[in-house]
Structures are given as structure tokens and as C-alpha cells.
N, C-alpha and C. Protein backbone atom coordinates (compact mmCIF):
# COMPACT_ATOMS: atom_id res chain seq x y z
N MET A 1 1.31 -1.25 -0.28
CA MET A 1 0.03 -0.06 -0.29
C MET A 1 1.08 1.34 -0.18
N ASN A 2 0.68 2.11 -0.78
CA ASN A 2 1.77 3.23 -1.21
C ASN A 2 0.76 4.78 -0.90
N CYS A 3 0.69 5.01 0.02
CA CYS A 3 -0.52 6.09 0.82
C CYS A 3 0.21 7.59 0.24
N PRO A 4 -0.49 7.96 -0.60
CA PRO A 4 -0.28 9.33 -1.18
C PRO A 4 0.21 10.26 -0.24
N GLU A 5 1.46 11.34 -1.16
CA GLU A 5 1.66 11.63 -0.07
C GLU A 5 1.17 12.99 0.19
N SER A 6 0.32 13.33 -0.20
CA SER A 6 -0.51 14.28 0.00
C SER A 6 -1.63 14.82 0.70
N LEU A 7 -1.88 13.10 0.57
CA LEU A 7 -2.92 12.76 2.50
C LEU A 7 -1.71 13.28 3.43
N LEU A 8 -0.71 12.08 3.27
CA LEU A 8 0.34 12.72 4.45
C LEU A 8 0.54 13.72 5.38
N ARG A 9 0.86 14.63 4.09
CA ARG A 9 1.11 16.21 4.83
C ARG A 9 0.27 16.25 5.50
N LEU A 10 -1.80 16.05 5.21
CA LEU A 10 -3.35 16.64 6.03
C LEU A 10 -2.47 15.40 7.15
N LEU A 11 -1.94 14.44 7.73
CA LEU A 11 -2.52 14.24 8.18
C LEU A 11 -2.52 14.93 10.63
N PRO A 12 -3.78 15.30 10.90
CA PRO A 12 -3.16 15.33 11.91
C PRO A 12 -2.41 14.64 12.89
N SER A 13 -2.02 15.02 14.45
CA SER A 13 -1.40 14.28 15.56
C SER A 13 -1.84 13.07 15.89
N PHE A 14 -3.25 12.66 15.57
CA PHE A 14 -3.93 11.25 16.09
C PHE A 14 -3.76 10.51 14.98
N LEU A 15 -3.30 10.66 14.07
CA LEU A 15 -3.42 9.84 12.58
C LEU A 15 -1.85 10.10 12.22
N HIS A 16 -1.27 8.59 11.65
CA HIS A 16 -0.47 8.32 10.72
C HIS A 16 0.10 7.86 9.85
N GLY A 17 1.49 7.67 9.32
CA GLY A 17 1.34 7.08 7.84
C GLY A 17 2.62 5.53 8.65
N HIS A 18 2.09 4.86 8.77
CA HIS A 18 2.85 2.72 9.42
C HIS A 18 3.38 3.10 7.93
N PRO A 19 4.64 2.10 8.05
CA PRO A 19 5.66 1.86 7.40
C PRO A 19 5.43 1.24 6.51
N ASP A 20 4.60 0.12 6.51
CA ASP A 20 3.67 -0.91 5.79
C ASP A 20 2.45 0.04 4.64
N GLY A 21 2.69 1.45 4.53
CA GLY A 21 1.84 1.84 3.74
C GLY A 21 0.47 2.46 4.11
N GLU A 22 -0.34 1.92 5.46
CA GLU A 22 -1.93 2.08 6.11
C GLU A 22 -1.25 3.52 6.84
N ILE A 23 -2.33 4.39 6.74
CA ILE A 23 -2.64 5.67 7.59
C ILE A 23 -3.26 4.44 8.64
N ARG A 24 -2.45 4.89 9.96
CA ARG A 24 -3.26 4.34 11.22
C ARG A 24 -3.52 5.05 12.56
N LEU A 25 -3.95 5.13 13.47
CA LEU A 25 -5.06 6.08 14.40
C LEU A 25 -3.38 5.92 15.02
N VAL A 26 -2.58 6.70 15.46
CA VAL A 26 -1.65 6.57 16.72
C VAL A 26 -2.23 6.18 18.08
N GLY A 27 -1.43 4.58 18.60
CA GLY A 27 -1.90 4.41 19.27
C GLY A 27 -2.49 3.16 19.76
N HIS A 28 -2.77 2.76 18.11
CA HIS A 28 -3.83 1.35 17.55
C HIS A 28 -3.39 1.03 16.43
N ARG A 29 -3.57 -0.33 16.57
CA ARG A 29 -3.56 -1.25 14.98
C ARG A 29 -4.83 -0.67 14.02
N ILE A 30 -5.63 0.46 14.27
CA ILE A 30 -6.19 0.34 13.96
C ILE A 30 -6.33 1.48 12.96
N GLY A 31 -6.86 0.63 11.18
CA GLY A 31 -6.35 1.32 10.02
C GLY A 31 -7.79 2.96 9.67
N LEU A 32 -7.56 4.07 9.15
CA LEU A 32 -8.23 4.54 8.68
C LEU A 32 -9.37 3.94 7.83
N TYR A 33 -8.62 3.54 6.55
CA TYR A 33 -9.53 2.33 5.52
C TYR A 33 -10.62 1.79 6.35
N HIS A 34 -10.35 0.66 7.72
CA HIS A 34 -11.55 0.19 8.55
C HIS A 34 -12.18 1.39 9.26
N PHE A 35 -11.70 2.58 9.67
CA PHE A 35 -12.57 3.36 10.47
C PHE A 35 -13.73 3.83 9.52
N VAL A 36 -13.33 4.53 8.07
CA VAL A 36 -13.95 5.26 6.95
C VAL A 36 -15.30 4.10 7.24
N TYR A 37 -14.76 2.81 6.15
CA TYR A 37 -15.21 1.70 5.76
C TYR A 37 -16.60 1.62 6.73
N PHE A 38 -16.64 1.63 8.05
CA PHE A 38 -17.75 1.26 8.98
C PHE A 38 -18.58 2.10 9.24
N TYR A 39 -17.58 4.17 8.63
CA TYR A 39 -18.72 5.32 8.89
C TYR A 39 -19.13 5.15 7.80
N ASN A 40 -18.58 4.63 6.50
CA ASN A 40 -19.51 5.02 5.43
C ASN A 40 -20.47 3.93 5.43
N GLN A 41 -20.36 2.88 6.39
CA GLN A 41 -21.77 1.93 6.13
C GLN A 41 -23.18 2.49 7.49
N GLY A 42 -22.63 3.47 7.68
CA GLY A 42 -24.03 4.47 8.09
C GLY A 42 -23.22 3.88 9.74
N TYR A 43 -22.83 3.88 10.71
CA TYR A 43 -22.24 4.00 11.76
C TYR A 43 -22.06 5.18 12.54
N THR A 44 -22.66 5.23 13.60
CA THR A 44 -22.34 6.28 14.21
C THR A 44 -21.64 6.67 15.41
N ALA A 45 -21.24 7.79 16.27
CA ALA A 45 -20.02 7.49 17.04
C ALA A 45 -20.68 6.33 17.89
N GLU A 46 -21.49 6.55 18.07
CA GLU A 46 -21.62 5.65 19.36
C GLU A 46 -21.74 4.29 19.42
N MET A 47 -21.42 3.83 17.50
CA MET A 47 -21.44 2.43 17.09
C MET A 47 -20.25 1.89 16.74
N LEU A 48 -19.17 3.26 16.33
CA LEU A 48 -17.74 3.08 16.07
C LEU A 48 -16.89 2.18 17.16
N LEU A 49 -18.09 3.06 18.25
CA LEU A 49 -17.16 3.09 19.98
C LEU A 49 -17.23 1.27 19.86
N GLY A 50 -18.55 0.62 19.34
CA GLY A 50 -18.99 -0.83 20.22
C GLY A 50 -17.53 -1.51 19.12
N GLN A 51 -17.60 -1.08 17.91
CA GLN A 51 -16.68 -1.43 17.11
C GLN A 51 -15.43 -1.50 17.46
N PHE A 52 -15.06 -0.75 18.24
CA PHE A 52 -13.69 0.16 18.34
C PHE A 52 -13.62 0.63 19.95
N PRO A 53 -14.15 -0.79 20.67
CA PRO A 53 -14.27 -0.40 22.01
C PRO A 53 -12.41 0.76 22.60
N THR A 54 -11.46 0.10 22.01
CA THR A 54 -9.86 0.91 22.53
C THR A 54 -10.12 2.36 22.14
N LEU A 55 -10.93 2.81 21.33
CA LEU A 55 -10.76 4.24 21.16
C LEU A 55 -11.90 5.33 21.95
N GLU A 56 -11.05 6.19 22.10
CA GLU A 56 -11.86 7.24 23.27
C GLU A 56 -12.76 7.91 22.47
N PRO A 57 -13.81 8.18 22.91
CA PRO A 57 -15.02 9.28 22.29
C PRO A 57 -14.59 10.26 21.49
N ALA A 58 -13.88 10.86 22.20
CA ALA A 58 -13.27 12.33 21.52
C ALA A 58 -12.18 11.92 20.59
N LEU A 59 -11.41 10.92 20.29
CA LEU A 59 -10.67 10.73 18.98
C LEU A 59 -12.05 9.94 17.89
N ILE A 60 -12.73 9.60 18.53
CA ILE A 60 -13.92 9.35 17.20
C ILE A 60 -13.99 10.10 16.66
N GLY A 61 -14.52 11.36 17.37
CA GLY A 61 -15.20 12.59 16.88
C GLY A 61 -13.64 13.66 16.67
N GLN A 62 -12.74 13.15 16.33
CA GLN A 62 -11.74 13.94 15.51
C GLN A 62 -11.17 13.38 14.30
N VAL A 63 -11.72 11.74 14.29
CA VAL A 63 -11.46 10.98 12.94
C VAL A 63 -12.72 11.51 11.88
N ILE A 64 -13.86 11.70 13.04
CA ILE A 64 -14.79 11.87 11.84
C ILE A 64 -14.72 13.38 11.40
N ALA A 65 -14.23 14.12 12.38
CA ALA A 65 -13.93 15.52 11.88
C ALA A 65 -12.94 15.51 10.30
N PHE A 66 -11.82 14.67 11.16
CA PHE A 66 -10.92 15.04 10.14
C PHE A 66 -11.11 14.42 8.81
N TYR A 67 -12.36 13.40 8.53
CA TYR A 67 -12.65 12.57 7.23
C TYR A 67 -13.55 13.69 6.43
N LEU A 68 -14.43 14.06 7.68
CA LEU A 68 -15.45 15.07 6.79
C LEU A 68 -14.83 16.27 6.25
N ASP A 69 -13.41 16.66 7.08
CA ASP A 69 -12.78 18.04 6.67
C ASP A 69 -11.90 17.78 5.25
N HIS A 70 -11.53 16.30 4.79
CA HIS A 70 -10.80 15.88 4.00
C HIS A 70 -11.43 14.44 3.27
N ARG A 71 -12.57 14.60 3.02
CA ARG A 71 -13.17 13.72 2.37
C ARG A 71 -12.54 12.69 1.17
N ASP A 72 -12.71 14.20 -0.09
CA ASP A 72 -11.99 14.28 -0.77
C ASP A 72 -10.78 13.04 -0.52
N GLU A 73 -9.98 13.57 -0.34
CA GLU A 73 -8.63 13.18 0.00
C GLU A 73 -8.64 11.42 0.43
N VAL A 74 -9.26 11.36 1.77
CA VAL A 74 -9.20 10.20 2.00
C VAL A 74 -10.18 9.73 1.46
N ASP A 75 -11.44 9.55 0.35
CA ASP A 75 -12.05 8.20 -0.37
C ASP A 75 -10.83 7.95 -1.20
N ARG A 76 -10.13 8.93 -1.82
CA ARG A 76 -9.27 8.43 -3.29
C ARG A 76 -7.86 7.34 -1.92
N TYR A 77 -7.28 7.78 -1.26
CA TYR A 77 -6.97 7.04 -0.14
C TYR A 77 -8.07 5.74 0.02
N VAL A 78 -8.88 5.62 -0.27
CA VAL A 78 -10.34 4.51 0.66
C VAL A 78 -9.97 3.81 -0.49
N ALA A 79 -10.41 4.45 -2.15
CA ALA A 79 -10.38 3.60 -3.17
C ALA A 79 -9.45 2.97 -3.09
N GLN A 80 -8.28 3.29 -3.69
CA GLN A 80 -6.83 2.62 -3.70
C GLN A 80 -6.89 1.40 -2.49
N TYR A 81 -6.70 1.80 -1.71
CA TYR A 81 -6.54 0.62 -1.06
C TYR A 81 -7.67 -0.63 -1.25
N GLN A 82 -8.76 -0.23 -1.48
CA GLN A 82 -9.75 -1.25 -1.75
C GLN A 82 -9.77 -1.96 -2.94
N ASP A 83 -9.07 -1.55 -3.93
CA ASP A 83 -8.25 -1.93 -5.27
C ASP A 83 -7.29 -2.74 -4.87
N GLU A 84 -6.64 -2.09 -3.82
CA GLU A 84 -4.91 -3.19 -4.23
C GLU A 84 -5.62 -4.85 -3.30
N LEU A 85 -6.54 -4.63 -2.01
CA LEU A 85 -6.86 -5.41 -1.53
C LEU A 85 -7.63 -6.76 -2.56
N GLU A 86 -8.57 -6.16 -3.29
CA GLU A 86 -9.53 -6.53 -4.13
C GLU A 86 -8.30 -7.67 -5.33
N ASP A 87 -6.74 -6.85 -5.14
CA ASP A 87 -5.77 -7.34 -6.27
C ASP A 87 -5.49 -8.64 -5.58
N LEU A 88 -5.30 -8.56 -4.45
CA LEU A 88 -4.81 -10.08 -3.44
C LEU A 88 -5.44 -10.73 -3.09
N ARG A 89 -7.16 -9.97 -3.25
CA ARG A 89 -7.97 -12.00 -2.98
C ARG A 89 -8.22 -12.18 -4.44
N ALA A 90 -7.97 -11.85 -5.55
CA ALA A 90 -7.56 -12.36 -6.98
C ALA A 90 -6.46 -13.15 -7.06
N THR A 91 -5.20 -12.99 -6.56
CA THR A 91 -4.27 -13.01 -6.42
C THR A 91 -3.45 -14.30 -6.00
N GLY A 92 -3.99 -14.06 -4.55
CA GLY A 92 -3.34 -14.81 -3.21
C GLY A 92 -4.10 -15.94 -3.61
N PRO A 93 -2.82 -16.63 -2.00
CA PRO A 93 -3.82 -18.21 -2.35
C PRO A 93 -4.83 -18.18 -1.70
N HIS A 94 -5.45 -19.26 -2.11
CA HIS A 94 -7.16 -19.15 -1.25
C HIS A 94 -7.28 -20.48 -0.26
N ALA A 95 -7.52 -20.25 1.24
CA ALA A 95 -7.80 -20.69 1.69
C ALA A 95 -9.13 -22.33 1.66
N PRO A 96 -8.88 -23.34 1.79
CA PRO A 96 -10.07 -24.52 1.49
C PRO A 96 -11.22 -23.86 1.87
N SER A 97 -12.35 -24.04 0.82
CA SER A 97 -13.65 -24.39 0.96
C SER A 97 -14.03 -24.92 2.94
N VAL A 98 -15.41 -25.33 3.01
CA VAL A 98 -16.07 -25.77 3.98
C VAL A 98 -15.82 -27.54 3.39
N ALA A 99 -16.60 -26.88 2.31
CA ALA A 99 -16.96 -28.33 1.82
C ALA A 99 -15.62 -29.67 1.47
N GLU A 100 -14.54 -28.52 1.19
CA GLU A 100 -12.87 -29.18 0.84
C GLU A 100 -12.58 -29.28 2.74
N LEU A 101 -12.75 -29.36 2.88
CA LEU A 101 -12.46 -29.30 4.78
C LEU A 101 -12.99 -30.45 5.48
N SER A 102 -14.44 -30.43 4.74
CA SER A 102 -15.30 -32.29 5.69
C SER A 102 -14.35 -33.62 4.70
N ASN A 103 -14.22 -33.01 3.07
CA ASN A 103 -13.49 -33.85 2.03
C ASN A 103 -12.00 -34.67 2.99
N ARG A 104 -11.60 -34.07 3.39
CA ARG A 104 -10.27 -34.18 3.88
C ARG A 104 -10.92 -34.58 5.04
N LEU A 105 -11.19 -34.76 5.67
CA LEU A 105 -11.54 -35.54 7.53
C LEU A 105 -12.34 -36.09 7.54
N GLU A 106 -13.21 -36.87 5.96
CA GLU A 106 -13.96 -38.40 5.91
C GLU A 106 -12.78 -38.78 5.45
N SER A 107 -11.77 -38.14 4.80
CA SER A 107 -10.75 -39.15 4.03
C SER A 107 -9.81 -39.72 5.42
N ARG A 108 -9.62 -38.56 5.59
CA ARG A 108 -8.84 -38.92 7.33
C ARG A 108 -9.39 -39.70 7.94
N GLN A 109 -10.51 -39.85 8.59
CA GLN A 109 -11.08 -40.56 9.16
C GLN A 109 -11.21 -42.56 8.47
N ARG A 110 -11.79 -42.24 7.51
CA ARG A 110 -11.97 -43.64 6.87
C ARG A 110 -10.45 -44.44 6.72
N ALA A 111 -9.82 -44.07 6.87
CA ALA A 111 -7.88 -44.01 6.36
C ALA A 111 -7.32 -44.35 8.12
N ALA A 112 -8.42 -43.83 8.88
CA ALA A 112 -7.80 -44.23 10.67
C ALA A 112 -8.44 -45.25 10.67
N THR A 113 -9.59 -45.42 10.37
CA THR A 113 -10.64 -46.91 10.52
C THR A 113 -10.22 -48.20 9.79
N VAL A 114 -9.56 -47.40 8.63
CA VAL A 114 -8.44 -49.00 8.22
C VAL A 114 -7.39 -49.23 8.70
N ASP A 115 -7.46 -47.92 8.80
CA ASP A 115 -5.66 -48.68 9.81
C ASP A 115 -5.84 -49.31 10.88
N ALA A 116 -6.63 -48.96 12.03
CA ALA A 116 -7.40 -49.84 12.54
C ALA A 116 -8.26 -50.76 12.43
N GLY A 117 -8.17 -51.29 11.72
CA GLY A 117 -8.82 -52.98 10.76
C GLY A 117 -7.70 -53.60 11.13
N ARG A 118 -6.43 -52.75 10.39
CA ARG A 118 -5.61 -53.70 10.21
C ARG A 118 -4.70 -54.44 11.52
N GLY A 119 -4.57 -53.45 12.09
CA GLY A 119 -3.98 -53.51 13.72
C GLY A 119 -4.30 -54.83 14.60
């Protein structure tokens, strides 16, 4: 993730650019992307506090205010972040499905039963 330099220059003291390219809330592992995602899903400040219980209500208000003051820049960052997530999902290794895991388990159980019958 490459955070736009123009957005990094705007960051207040409660947000910082992490070395991995993500913008995070200072003192937390909570990314601006996730915060804005939930806010744009209609979460109120109180609901965000429930989602991120380690945050102080005042900080939640500050992050919302920053977002609203710099909505265009933050939305561009969020869109870029989302694009990168989609690329990773499309090209990265996929976990086995529940059906595949069930098949594996059944195969192991059958093998264990056969081995037990030989002994």
C-alpha cells in the first residue's frame, strides 16, 4: 500500500502513516480505511465505539471530523486501498472451502478406520 503523499501531509497528530503504507490511528492498530469503511456503512460515533472499544469517544469525533474535512483525499485513499485488497484476493492463495475441509476430514477418518482394522 502506498499512501498518497498529499494525504500524508494533511494528517493530524492522531493519525500517522505506518511503514506498511497504511494510515493508522496513533497508539492503535486501527486503520483509517477500516474506520472510514464502517462510518460509510452508517455507523454512528456510538456504534464506532462499539466496533473499536479501545478508542476514546473524543478520538472518534476527531477522526470523523478529519474525514469530513478531507473527504475527497481520504476517499481516494480508501478506493486505492480497496483496489489493492481486491488484487490480493484475486491473486493470493485461497483457503480451502468448508466442503473441501469436510472431504479431507472424512478421508482421514476412513484411513484411520482402515488402519485400525489392520492392527
